[in-house]
N, C-alpha and C. Protein backbone atom coordinates (compact mmCIF):
# COMPACT_ATOMS: atom_id res chain seq x y z
N MET A 1 0.84 -1.19 0.00
CA MET A 1 0.00 0.00 0.00
C MET A 1 0.88 1.24 0.00
N SER A 2 0.57 2.20 -0.85
CA SER A 2 1.35 3.42 -0.96
C SER A 2 1.06 4.36 0.20
N TYR A 3 2.02 5.24 0.49
CA TYR A 3 1.85 6.17 1.59
C TYR A 3 0.94 7.35 1.25
N ALA A 4 0.74 7.62 -0.03
CA ALA A 4 -0.15 8.71 -0.45
C ALA A 4 -1.28 8.14 -1.31
N ASP A 5 -2.37 8.84 -1.31
CA ASP A 5 -3.57 8.39 -2.02
C ASP A 5 -3.53 8.82 -3.48
N LEU A 6 -4.07 7.96 -4.35
CA LEU A 6 -4.10 8.23 -5.78
C LEU A 6 -4.87 9.51 -6.09
N THR A 7 -5.99 9.73 -5.41
CA THR A 7 -6.77 10.95 -5.64
C THR A 7 -5.97 12.19 -5.27
N LEU A 8 -5.22 12.12 -4.15
CA LEU A 8 -4.37 13.24 -3.75
C LEU A 8 -3.32 13.53 -4.81
N LEU A 9 -2.74 12.48 -5.39
CA LEU A 9 -1.73 12.69 -6.41
C LEU A 9 -2.33 13.37 -7.64
N LYS A 10 -3.53 12.98 -8.01
CA LYS A 10 -4.19 13.62 -9.16
C LYS A 10 -4.43 15.10 -8.89
N PHE A 11 -4.88 15.45 -7.70
CA PHE A 11 -5.03 16.85 -7.33
C PHE A 11 -3.68 17.56 -7.37
N HIS A 12 -2.66 16.88 -6.88
CA HIS A 12 -1.32 17.45 -6.82
C HIS A 12 -0.81 17.79 -8.23
N LEU A 13 -1.14 16.94 -9.19
CA LEU A 13 -0.66 17.12 -10.55
C LEU A 13 -1.54 18.05 -11.38
N SER A 14 -2.74 18.32 -10.89
CA SER A 14 -3.69 19.10 -11.67
C SER A 14 -3.29 20.57 -11.70
N SER A 15 -3.42 21.18 -12.87
CA SER A 15 -3.15 22.62 -13.00
C SER A 15 -4.43 23.43 -12.96
N SER A 16 -5.55 22.73 -12.78
CA SER A 16 -6.85 23.40 -12.77
C SER A 16 -7.25 23.74 -11.35
N ALA A 17 -7.74 24.96 -11.14
CA ALA A 17 -8.21 25.37 -9.82
C ALA A 17 -9.60 24.82 -9.54
N ASP A 18 -10.25 24.26 -10.57
CA ASP A 18 -11.62 23.78 -10.41
C ASP A 18 -11.70 22.32 -10.01
N GLY A 19 -10.60 21.63 -10.03
CA GLY A 19 -10.66 20.22 -9.65
C GLY A 19 -9.56 19.43 -10.31
N VAL A 20 -9.74 18.11 -10.36
CA VAL A 20 -8.72 17.21 -10.86
C VAL A 20 -8.72 17.21 -12.38
N ALA A 21 -7.54 17.26 -12.98
CA ALA A 21 -7.43 17.15 -14.42
C ALA A 21 -7.89 15.77 -14.87
N ASN A 22 -8.20 15.65 -16.13
CA ASN A 22 -8.66 14.37 -16.66
C ASN A 22 -7.48 13.44 -16.90
N PHE A 23 -7.55 12.26 -16.31
CA PHE A 23 -6.54 11.23 -16.52
C PHE A 23 -7.23 10.00 -17.10
N THR A 24 -6.58 9.37 -18.05
CA THR A 24 -7.13 8.16 -18.64
C THR A 24 -6.95 6.99 -17.69
N ALA A 25 -7.59 5.87 -18.04
CA ALA A 25 -7.43 4.66 -17.24
C ALA A 25 -5.97 4.22 -17.24
N GLU A 26 -5.30 4.37 -18.38
CA GLU A 26 -3.89 4.01 -18.47
C GLU A 26 -3.04 4.93 -17.61
N ASP A 27 -3.40 6.23 -17.61
CA ASP A 27 -2.69 7.18 -16.75
C ASP A 27 -2.81 6.78 -15.29
N THR A 28 -4.00 6.38 -14.89
CA THR A 28 -4.25 6.01 -13.49
C THR A 28 -3.39 4.84 -13.07
N VAL A 29 -3.22 3.86 -13.96
CA VAL A 29 -2.36 2.72 -13.66
C VAL A 29 -0.92 3.19 -13.45
N LEU A 30 -0.45 4.06 -14.34
CA LEU A 30 0.92 4.57 -14.23
C LEU A 30 1.11 5.42 -12.98
N LEU A 31 0.09 6.22 -12.65
CA LEU A 31 0.17 7.05 -11.45
C LEU A 31 0.30 6.19 -10.20
N GLN A 32 -0.45 5.11 -10.15
CA GLN A 32 -0.37 4.22 -8.99
C GLN A 32 1.01 3.58 -8.91
N ARG A 33 1.56 3.23 -10.06
CA ARG A 33 2.91 2.66 -10.06
C ARG A 33 3.94 3.68 -9.58
N CYS A 34 3.74 4.95 -9.92
CA CYS A 34 4.63 6.00 -9.43
C CYS A 34 4.54 6.11 -7.91
N LEU A 35 3.33 6.02 -7.37
CA LEU A 35 3.14 6.06 -5.91
C LEU A 35 3.82 4.88 -5.24
N ASP A 36 3.65 3.70 -5.84
CA ASP A 36 4.26 2.49 -5.27
C ASP A 36 5.78 2.60 -5.29
N ALA A 37 6.32 3.09 -6.41
CA ALA A 37 7.77 3.23 -6.52
C ALA A 37 8.29 4.28 -5.54
N ALA A 38 7.56 5.39 -5.39
CA ALA A 38 7.96 6.43 -4.44
C ALA A 38 7.95 5.89 -3.01
N THR A 39 6.96 5.07 -2.70
CA THR A 39 6.88 4.46 -1.37
C THR A 39 8.09 3.59 -1.10
N LEU A 40 8.49 2.78 -2.08
CA LEU A 40 9.66 1.92 -1.92
C LEU A 40 10.94 2.76 -1.75
N GLN A 41 11.05 3.84 -2.52
CA GLN A 41 12.22 4.70 -2.39
C GLN A 41 12.29 5.35 -1.01
N ILE A 42 11.15 5.74 -0.48
CA ILE A 42 11.11 6.33 0.86
C ILE A 42 11.57 5.32 1.90
N GLU A 43 11.13 4.08 1.77
CA GLU A 43 11.54 3.05 2.72
C GLU A 43 13.04 2.78 2.64
N GLN A 44 13.56 2.78 1.42
CA GLN A 44 14.99 2.56 1.25
C GLN A 44 15.80 3.72 1.81
N TYR A 45 15.32 4.92 1.63
CA TYR A 45 16.04 6.11 2.07
C TYR A 45 16.01 6.25 3.59
N THR A 46 14.86 5.97 4.20
CA THR A 46 14.72 6.17 5.65
C THR A 46 15.10 4.93 6.46
N GLY A 47 15.04 3.75 5.85
CA GLY A 47 15.26 2.52 6.61
C GLY A 47 14.08 2.18 7.48
N ARG A 48 12.90 2.71 7.13
CA ARG A 48 11.70 2.50 7.95
C ARG A 48 10.51 2.18 7.05
N THR A 49 9.47 1.60 7.68
CA THR A 49 8.17 1.46 7.03
C THR A 49 7.16 2.30 7.80
N PHE A 50 6.23 2.90 7.05
CA PHE A 50 5.27 3.82 7.64
C PHE A 50 3.84 3.32 7.44
N ARG A 51 3.66 2.01 7.59
CA ARG A 51 2.33 1.42 7.53
C ARG A 51 2.11 0.58 8.78
N ALA A 52 0.88 0.49 9.22
CA ALA A 52 0.57 -0.17 10.48
C ALA A 52 0.36 -1.67 10.32
N GLU A 53 0.89 -2.43 11.26
CA GLU A 53 0.58 -3.84 11.43
C GLU A 53 0.10 -4.02 12.87
N THR A 54 -1.07 -4.62 13.03
CA THR A 54 -1.67 -4.76 14.36
C THR A 54 -1.60 -6.20 14.83
N ALA A 55 -1.19 -6.38 16.09
CA ALA A 55 -1.12 -7.71 16.72
C ALA A 55 -0.36 -8.70 15.85
N ALA A 56 0.75 -8.25 15.30
CA ALA A 56 1.56 -9.10 14.42
C ALA A 56 2.73 -9.72 15.19
N THR A 57 3.11 -10.92 14.79
CA THR A 57 4.23 -11.63 15.41
C THR A 57 5.45 -11.55 14.52
N LYS A 58 6.58 -11.15 15.08
CA LYS A 58 7.82 -11.09 14.33
C LYS A 58 8.94 -11.76 15.12
N TYR A 59 9.90 -12.28 14.39
CA TYR A 59 11.00 -13.03 15.01
C TYR A 59 12.33 -12.34 14.70
N PHE A 60 13.19 -12.30 15.70
CA PHE A 60 14.50 -11.68 15.58
C PHE A 60 15.56 -12.64 16.14
N VAL A 61 16.80 -12.47 15.66
CA VAL A 61 17.91 -13.23 16.22
C VAL A 61 18.74 -12.27 17.07
N ALA A 62 18.88 -12.58 18.35
CA ALA A 62 19.61 -11.72 19.27
C ALA A 62 21.10 -11.70 18.92
N SER A 63 21.71 -10.52 18.99
CA SER A 63 23.15 -10.40 18.73
C SER A 63 23.93 -10.11 20.01
N CYS A 64 23.21 -9.76 21.09
CA CYS A 64 23.88 -9.53 22.38
C CYS A 64 22.89 -9.83 23.50
N TYR A 65 23.37 -9.80 24.74
CA TYR A 65 22.55 -10.20 25.88
C TYR A 65 21.59 -9.11 26.35
N ASP A 66 21.93 -7.84 26.14
CA ASP A 66 21.18 -6.79 26.82
C ASP A 66 20.29 -5.92 25.93
N SER A 67 20.28 -6.14 24.61
CA SER A 67 19.42 -5.33 23.77
C SER A 67 19.06 -6.07 22.48
N LEU A 68 17.96 -5.63 21.89
CA LEU A 68 17.47 -6.23 20.65
C LEU A 68 16.99 -5.10 19.74
N ASN A 69 17.63 -4.97 18.58
CA ASN A 69 17.21 -3.95 17.62
C ASN A 69 16.03 -4.46 16.80
N LEU A 70 15.06 -3.55 16.59
CA LEU A 70 13.82 -3.92 15.92
C LEU A 70 13.72 -3.22 14.57
N GLN A 71 13.24 -3.95 13.59
CA GLN A 71 12.88 -3.38 12.30
C GLN A 71 11.76 -4.24 11.72
N PRO A 72 10.57 -3.68 11.53
CA PRO A 72 10.22 -2.26 11.63
C PRO A 72 10.14 -1.78 13.07
N ASP A 73 9.81 -0.48 13.21
CA ASP A 73 9.60 0.09 14.55
C ASP A 73 8.35 -0.52 15.17
N ILE A 74 8.29 -0.47 16.50
CA ILE A 74 7.13 -0.99 17.21
C ILE A 74 6.49 0.13 18.03
N ARG A 75 5.17 0.09 18.16
CA ARG A 75 4.45 1.10 18.94
C ARG A 75 4.00 0.56 20.28
N THR A 76 3.41 -0.60 20.29
CA THR A 76 3.00 -1.24 21.55
C THR A 76 3.43 -2.71 21.51
N VAL A 77 3.81 -3.22 22.67
CA VAL A 77 4.28 -4.61 22.78
C VAL A 77 3.27 -5.43 23.58
N THR A 78 2.87 -6.56 23.01
CA THR A 78 1.98 -7.49 23.71
C THR A 78 2.80 -8.51 24.50
N SER A 79 3.83 -9.06 23.87
CA SER A 79 4.67 -10.03 24.58
C SER A 79 6.05 -10.12 23.94
N VAL A 80 7.04 -10.45 24.80
CA VAL A 80 8.40 -10.72 24.35
C VAL A 80 8.82 -12.04 24.97
N THR A 81 9.12 -13.03 24.14
CA THR A 81 9.53 -14.34 24.64
C THR A 81 10.83 -14.75 23.96
N VAL A 82 11.67 -15.45 24.74
CA VAL A 82 13.02 -15.77 24.29
C VAL A 82 13.20 -17.28 24.19
N ASP A 83 13.83 -17.72 23.10
CA ASP A 83 14.23 -19.11 22.94
C ASP A 83 15.66 -19.23 23.48
N ASP A 84 15.82 -19.86 24.64
CA ASP A 84 17.12 -19.91 25.31
C ASP A 84 18.02 -21.04 24.83
N ASP A 85 17.43 -22.09 24.23
CA ASP A 85 18.24 -23.26 23.92
C ASP A 85 18.09 -23.76 22.48
N GLY A 86 17.42 -22.99 21.64
CA GLY A 86 17.34 -23.36 20.24
C GLY A 86 16.27 -24.38 19.89
N ASP A 87 15.34 -24.65 20.82
CA ASP A 87 14.29 -25.63 20.52
C ASP A 87 13.01 -24.97 19.99
N LEU A 88 13.04 -23.62 19.83
CA LEU A 88 11.93 -22.85 19.28
C LEU A 88 10.65 -22.96 20.10
N THR A 89 10.80 -23.14 21.42
CA THR A 89 9.62 -23.18 22.29
C THR A 89 9.39 -21.83 22.99
N TYR A 90 10.37 -20.95 22.97
CA TYR A 90 10.25 -19.61 23.55
C TYR A 90 9.75 -19.70 25.00
N GLY A 91 10.56 -20.37 25.81
CA GLY A 91 10.15 -20.66 27.17
C GLY A 91 10.34 -19.54 28.17
N THR A 92 11.11 -18.51 27.82
CA THR A 92 11.36 -17.41 28.75
C THR A 92 10.55 -16.19 28.34
N THR A 93 9.72 -15.70 29.26
CA THR A 93 8.88 -14.52 28.98
C THR A 93 9.45 -13.31 29.72
N LEU A 94 9.59 -12.21 29.01
CA LEU A 94 10.07 -10.97 29.61
C LEU A 94 8.89 -10.09 29.97
N THR A 95 8.96 -9.47 31.13
CA THR A 95 7.89 -8.59 31.61
C THR A 95 8.27 -7.13 31.38
N ALA A 96 7.32 -6.38 30.83
CA ALA A 96 7.57 -4.96 30.55
C ALA A 96 7.92 -4.22 31.83
N ASN A 97 8.85 -3.29 31.74
CA ASN A 97 9.33 -2.44 32.84
C ASN A 97 10.18 -3.19 33.84
N THR A 98 9.78 -4.41 34.20
CA THR A 98 10.58 -5.20 35.14
C THR A 98 11.79 -5.82 34.45
N ASP A 99 11.56 -6.44 33.28
CA ASP A 99 12.64 -7.13 32.56
C ASP A 99 13.17 -6.33 31.37
N TYR A 100 12.34 -5.48 30.77
CA TYR A 100 12.82 -4.75 29.59
C TYR A 100 12.18 -3.36 29.51
N TRP A 101 12.89 -2.50 28.80
CA TRP A 101 12.39 -1.16 28.47
C TRP A 101 12.36 -1.00 26.96
N LEU A 102 11.45 -0.16 26.49
CA LEU A 102 11.41 0.20 25.08
C LEU A 102 12.22 1.47 24.88
N MET A 103 13.02 1.49 23.82
CA MET A 103 13.90 2.62 23.54
C MET A 103 13.64 3.12 22.12
N PRO A 104 13.90 4.42 21.85
CA PRO A 104 14.42 5.42 22.78
C PRO A 104 13.35 5.91 23.76
N VAL A 105 13.80 6.45 24.86
CA VAL A 105 12.88 6.93 25.89
C VAL A 105 12.02 8.07 25.34
N GLN A 106 12.64 8.98 24.62
CA GLN A 106 11.92 10.10 24.00
C GLN A 106 12.13 10.03 22.49
N SER A 107 11.21 9.36 21.81
CA SER A 107 11.34 9.22 20.37
C SER A 107 11.01 10.53 19.67
N TRP A 108 11.69 10.77 18.56
CA TRP A 108 11.53 12.02 17.82
C TRP A 108 11.59 11.71 16.33
N PRO A 109 10.82 12.39 15.49
CA PRO A 109 9.98 13.56 15.76
C PRO A 109 8.60 13.25 16.31
N ASP A 110 8.24 11.99 16.45
CA ASP A 110 6.93 11.62 16.99
C ASP A 110 7.13 10.72 18.19
N SER A 111 6.27 10.85 19.19
CA SER A 111 6.38 10.05 20.40
C SER A 111 5.74 8.67 20.20
N GLY A 112 6.14 7.74 21.04
CA GLY A 112 5.53 6.42 21.03
C GLY A 112 6.01 5.50 19.93
N ILE A 113 7.18 5.79 19.35
CA ILE A 113 7.76 4.96 18.31
C ILE A 113 9.07 4.39 18.85
N TYR A 114 9.22 3.07 18.84
CA TYR A 114 10.39 2.44 19.46
C TYR A 114 11.11 1.54 18.48
N SER A 115 12.44 1.53 18.58
CA SER A 115 13.27 0.75 17.67
C SER A 115 14.18 -0.25 18.38
N GLN A 116 14.05 -0.35 19.70
CA GLN A 116 14.93 -1.26 20.44
C GLN A 116 14.26 -1.71 21.74
N ILE A 117 14.53 -2.96 22.11
CA ILE A 117 14.15 -3.49 23.42
C ILE A 117 15.44 -3.67 24.21
N THR A 118 15.50 -3.05 25.40
CA THR A 118 16.69 -3.11 26.24
C THR A 118 16.36 -3.80 27.56
N ILE A 119 17.21 -4.72 27.97
CA ILE A 119 17.02 -5.41 29.24
C ILE A 119 17.18 -4.40 30.39
N ALA A 120 16.22 -4.40 31.32
CA ALA A 120 16.27 -3.50 32.47
C ALA A 120 17.48 -3.83 33.35
N PRO A 121 18.11 -2.83 33.95
CA PRO A 121 19.36 -3.04 34.70
C PRO A 121 19.26 -4.09 35.80
N ARG A 122 18.12 -4.17 36.51
CA ARG A 122 18.01 -5.10 37.65
C ARG A 122 17.33 -6.42 37.29
N SER A 123 17.07 -6.62 36.01
CA SER A 123 16.42 -7.87 35.60
C SER A 123 17.40 -9.03 35.61
N SER A 124 16.89 -10.21 35.95
CA SER A 124 17.71 -11.43 35.90
C SER A 124 17.62 -12.10 34.54
N LYS A 125 16.78 -11.55 33.65
CA LYS A 125 16.57 -12.12 32.31
C LYS A 125 17.58 -11.52 31.35
N ALA A 126 17.74 -12.18 30.19
CA ALA A 126 18.64 -11.69 29.14
C ALA A 126 18.27 -12.35 27.83
N PHE A 127 18.72 -11.75 26.75
CA PHE A 127 18.61 -12.40 25.45
C PHE A 127 19.75 -13.40 25.31
N SER A 128 19.60 -14.33 24.38
CA SER A 128 20.64 -15.33 24.13
C SER A 128 21.22 -15.10 22.74
N PRO A 129 22.43 -14.56 22.63
CA PRO A 129 23.00 -14.28 21.31
C PRO A 129 22.99 -15.51 20.41
N GLY A 130 22.52 -15.30 19.18
CA GLY A 130 22.44 -16.40 18.23
C GLY A 130 21.11 -17.14 18.25
N TYR A 131 20.27 -16.85 19.26
CA TYR A 131 18.98 -17.51 19.37
C TYR A 131 17.84 -16.51 19.10
N ARG A 132 16.68 -17.07 18.83
CA ARG A 132 15.56 -16.24 18.40
C ARG A 132 14.80 -15.60 19.56
N VAL A 133 14.20 -14.46 19.23
CA VAL A 133 13.30 -13.76 20.14
C VAL A 133 11.99 -13.52 19.38
N ARG A 134 10.88 -13.82 20.04
CA ARG A 134 9.56 -13.61 19.42
C ARG A 134 8.90 -12.39 20.06
N VAL A 135 8.51 -11.45 19.22
CA VAL A 135 7.89 -10.21 19.70
C VAL A 135 6.52 -10.06 19.04
N ILE A 136 5.49 -9.87 19.86
CA ILE A 136 4.13 -9.66 19.36
C ILE A 136 3.71 -8.25 19.73
N GLY A 137 3.16 -7.52 18.77
CA GLY A 137 2.73 -6.16 19.07
C GLY A 137 2.20 -5.44 17.85
N ASP A 138 2.11 -4.12 17.97
CA ASP A 138 1.64 -3.25 16.88
C ASP A 138 2.86 -2.55 16.28
N TRP A 139 3.06 -2.72 14.98
CA TRP A 139 4.30 -2.32 14.34
C TRP A 139 4.07 -1.17 13.35
N GLY A 140 5.18 -0.52 12.97
CA GLY A 140 5.17 0.48 11.93
C GLY A 140 5.17 1.89 12.47
N TYR A 141 5.89 2.78 11.78
CA TYR A 141 5.96 4.18 12.16
C TYR A 141 4.72 4.88 11.60
N VAL A 142 3.67 4.94 12.39
CA VAL A 142 2.43 5.60 11.98
C VAL A 142 1.99 6.57 13.06
N VAL A 143 1.29 7.62 12.65
CA VAL A 143 0.76 8.63 13.55
C VAL A 143 -0.72 8.77 13.24
N ASN A 144 -1.56 8.53 14.24
CA ASN A 144 -3.01 8.56 14.04
C ASN A 144 -3.45 7.63 12.91
N GLY A 145 -2.82 6.47 12.85
CA GLY A 145 -3.25 5.43 11.92
C GLY A 145 -2.68 5.52 10.53
N GLU A 146 -1.83 6.50 10.23
CA GLU A 146 -1.27 6.62 8.88
C GLU A 146 0.15 7.15 8.95
N ALA A 147 0.80 7.19 7.80
CA ALA A 147 2.15 7.75 7.76
C ALA A 147 2.12 9.21 8.19
N PRO A 148 3.21 9.71 8.82
CA PRO A 148 3.25 11.12 9.20
C PRO A 148 3.05 12.03 7.99
N SER A 149 2.50 13.21 8.21
CA SER A 149 2.19 14.14 7.12
C SER A 149 3.40 14.45 6.24
N PRO A 150 4.60 14.69 6.80
CA PRO A 150 5.75 14.96 5.92
C PRO A 150 6.07 13.78 5.01
N VAL A 151 5.84 12.56 5.47
CA VAL A 151 6.11 11.38 4.64
C VAL A 151 5.09 11.30 3.51
N ILE A 152 3.84 11.59 3.79
CA ILE A 152 2.81 11.60 2.75
C ILE A 152 3.14 12.65 1.69
N GLU A 153 3.53 13.84 2.13
CA GLU A 153 3.88 14.90 1.18
C GLU A 153 5.10 14.51 0.36
N ALA A 154 6.08 13.89 0.99
CA ALA A 154 7.27 13.43 0.26
C ALA A 154 6.90 12.39 -0.79
N CYS A 155 5.96 11.53 -0.46
CA CYS A 155 5.51 10.50 -1.41
C CYS A 155 4.84 11.15 -2.61
N LEU A 156 4.01 12.17 -2.38
CA LEU A 156 3.35 12.88 -3.48
C LEU A 156 4.39 13.58 -4.36
N LEU A 157 5.34 14.26 -3.75
CA LEU A 157 6.36 14.97 -4.53
C LEU A 157 7.21 14.01 -5.35
N GLN A 158 7.59 12.89 -4.74
CA GLN A 158 8.44 11.93 -5.44
C GLN A 158 7.66 11.22 -6.54
N ALA A 159 6.40 10.90 -6.29
CA ALA A 159 5.58 10.27 -7.32
C ALA A 159 5.38 11.21 -8.51
N ALA A 160 5.15 12.49 -8.23
CA ALA A 160 5.01 13.48 -9.30
C ALA A 160 6.31 13.59 -10.09
N ARG A 161 7.41 13.48 -9.40
CA ARG A 161 8.72 13.53 -10.06
C ARG A 161 8.90 12.34 -10.99
N LEU A 162 8.51 11.16 -10.52
CA LEU A 162 8.60 9.96 -11.35
C LEU A 162 7.66 10.05 -12.55
N TRP A 163 6.48 10.64 -12.34
CA TRP A 163 5.52 10.83 -13.43
C TRP A 163 6.11 11.72 -14.52
N SER A 164 6.82 12.76 -14.12
CA SER A 164 7.39 13.70 -15.08
C SER A 164 8.52 13.09 -15.90
N ARG A 165 9.09 11.99 -15.42
CA ARG A 165 10.17 11.31 -16.15
C ARG A 165 9.71 10.74 -17.48
N ARG A 166 8.40 10.57 -17.67
CA ARG A 166 7.90 10.00 -18.93
C ARG A 166 8.30 10.86 -20.13
N GLY A 167 8.29 12.18 -19.94
CA GLY A 167 8.61 13.07 -21.05
C GLY A 167 9.95 13.75 -20.87
N ALA A 168 10.88 13.08 -20.22
CA ALA A 168 12.17 13.68 -19.93
C ALA A 168 13.30 12.81 -20.47
N PRO A 169 13.66 12.95 -21.73
CA PRO A 169 14.78 12.19 -22.27
C PRO A 169 16.05 12.42 -21.47
N LEU A 170 16.69 11.37 -21.06
CA LEU A 170 17.92 11.43 -20.28
C LEU A 170 17.74 12.17 -18.96
N GLY A 171 16.47 12.28 -18.52
CA GLY A 171 16.20 12.93 -17.24
C GLY A 171 16.25 14.43 -17.29
N ILE A 172 16.11 15.03 -18.46
CA ILE A 172 16.19 16.48 -18.61
C ILE A 172 14.87 17.02 -19.16
N VAL A 173 14.29 18.01 -18.47
CA VAL A 173 13.05 18.63 -18.89
C VAL A 173 13.35 20.02 -19.45
N GLY A 174 12.80 20.32 -20.63
CA GLY A 174 13.02 21.63 -21.25
C GLY A 174 11.99 22.63 -20.79
N GLY A 175 12.40 23.90 -20.64
CA GLY A 175 11.49 24.96 -20.25
C GLY A 175 10.62 25.39 -21.42
N ILE A 176 9.66 26.28 -21.15
CA ILE A 176 8.72 26.74 -22.17
C ILE A 176 9.44 27.45 -23.30
N ASP A 177 10.48 28.23 -22.98
CA ASP A 177 11.19 28.99 -24.02
C ASP A 177 12.27 28.17 -24.71
N LEU A 178 12.34 26.89 -24.37
CA LEU A 178 13.28 25.95 -24.98
C LEU A 178 14.74 26.31 -24.74
N THR A 179 15.00 27.23 -23.84
CA THR A 179 16.38 27.58 -23.49
C THR A 179 16.71 27.24 -22.05
N THR A 180 15.69 26.89 -21.28
CA THR A 180 15.88 26.56 -19.88
C THR A 180 15.67 25.06 -19.69
N PHE A 181 16.61 24.42 -19.07
CA PHE A 181 16.52 22.98 -18.88
C PHE A 181 16.73 22.63 -17.41
N THR A 182 16.01 21.63 -16.95
CA THR A 182 16.13 21.18 -15.57
C THR A 182 16.43 19.69 -15.55
N ARG A 183 17.48 19.32 -14.84
CA ARG A 183 17.80 17.89 -14.72
C ARG A 183 17.06 17.33 -13.52
N ILE A 184 16.12 16.39 -13.76
CA ILE A 184 15.32 15.86 -12.68
C ILE A 184 15.89 14.55 -12.13
N THR A 185 17.07 14.15 -12.61
CA THR A 185 17.69 12.96 -12.05
C THR A 185 18.50 13.29 -10.81
N LYS A 186 18.64 14.59 -10.50
CA LYS A 186 19.29 14.96 -9.24
C LYS A 186 18.33 14.71 -8.08
N ALA A 187 18.91 14.49 -6.90
CA ALA A 187 18.07 14.25 -5.72
C ALA A 187 17.18 15.45 -5.46
N ASP A 188 15.94 15.21 -5.07
CA ASP A 188 14.98 16.27 -4.77
C ASP A 188 15.24 16.77 -3.35
N SER A 189 15.71 18.00 -3.22
CA SER A 189 16.06 18.53 -1.91
C SER A 189 14.85 18.67 -1.00
N ASP A 190 13.69 18.98 -1.55
CA ASP A 190 12.48 19.09 -0.73
C ASP A 190 12.08 17.74 -0.15
N VAL A 191 12.16 16.70 -0.97
CA VAL A 191 11.83 15.36 -0.49
C VAL A 191 12.79 14.94 0.61
N GLU A 192 14.08 15.18 0.39
CA GLU A 192 15.06 14.80 1.41
C GLU A 192 14.88 15.59 2.69
N LEU A 193 14.52 16.86 2.57
CA LEU A 193 14.29 17.68 3.76
C LEU A 193 13.10 17.17 4.56
N LEU A 194 12.04 16.76 3.87
CA LEU A 194 10.87 16.23 4.54
C LEU A 194 11.17 14.91 5.24
N LEU A 195 12.02 14.09 4.64
CA LEU A 195 12.27 12.75 5.15
C LEU A 195 13.43 12.66 6.14
N LYS A 196 14.28 13.68 6.16
CA LYS A 196 15.49 13.62 6.99
C LYS A 196 15.21 13.28 8.46
N PRO A 197 14.19 13.87 9.10
CA PRO A 197 13.95 13.55 10.51
C PRO A 197 13.56 12.09 10.75
N TYR A 198 13.16 11.38 9.70
CA TYR A 198 12.67 10.01 9.86
C TYR A 198 13.71 8.95 9.49
N ARG A 199 14.90 9.39 9.14
CA ARG A 199 15.94 8.41 8.77
C ARG A 199 16.39 7.65 10.02
N ALA A 200 16.42 6.34 9.91
CA ALA A 200 16.87 5.50 11.02
C ALA A 200 18.36 5.23 10.84
N MET A 201 19.16 5.83 11.67
CA MET A 201 20.60 5.70 11.55
C MET A 201 21.02 4.23 11.67
N GLY A 202 21.93 3.83 10.81
CA GLY A 202 22.41 2.46 10.83
C GLY A 202 21.69 1.55 9.86
N ARG A 203 20.53 2.01 9.32
CA ARG A 203 19.83 1.18 8.35
C ARG A 203 19.17 2.04 7.27
N VAL A 204 19.89 3.08 6.84
CA VAL A 204 19.35 3.97 5.82
C VAL A 204 19.99 3.67 4.47
N GLY A 205 19.30 4.09 3.41
CA GLY A 205 19.78 3.84 2.06
C GLY A 205 20.34 5.11 1.43
N ALA A 206 20.37 5.11 0.10
CA ALA A 206 20.93 6.22 -0.65
C ALA A 206 19.91 7.34 -0.79
N ALA A 207 20.33 8.42 -1.42
CA ALA A 207 19.45 9.57 -1.63
C ALA A 207 18.27 9.19 -2.52
N VAL A 208 17.19 9.94 -2.38
CA VAL A 208 16.00 9.72 -3.18
C VAL A 208 16.13 10.50 -4.48
N TYR A 209 16.07 9.80 -5.63
CA TYR A 209 16.20 10.44 -6.94
C TYR A 209 14.90 10.37 -7.70
């Protein structure tokens, strides 16, 4: 599912103040593909997903005893269970606040988004490096049930940019007077500015083109 709506993209591309420009059925298919491609580029650039998964189970392999990095981000945790001996029975259950904390303590730019589970200092529990951890909860970087507004706007801008590539030989668009040219294969500074606060350090990709 794309981060921006197809109808919003049509409004975004329309030059008419009275409503949406006319797009053919074929145009609509291409527009949706532009949205899908923009969504994938955003995920690669930020290292995050901005769609909600509710009550989903995910499995991770622990790399150390005291913390577990999560991808995607998690919003609420239902349970954390550890496989201590490799038999995939997940016999050790961790208790929130007593055995583990969600990190970061103050997530930014939006609150309630966590990317790590850390063992509490006084807990007797631990992860087992090389063994699996099962985490059940609500996943994805979403605010009020959808991607944050800057991410939606970035998706619209990037999709519009991809749409304009249809008539841009070698990625160059000519101006009205045929003397002004713009290279659209360069990274979009507005898109990067909108997405910069959401980049997850350590798992980010290349610039958005």
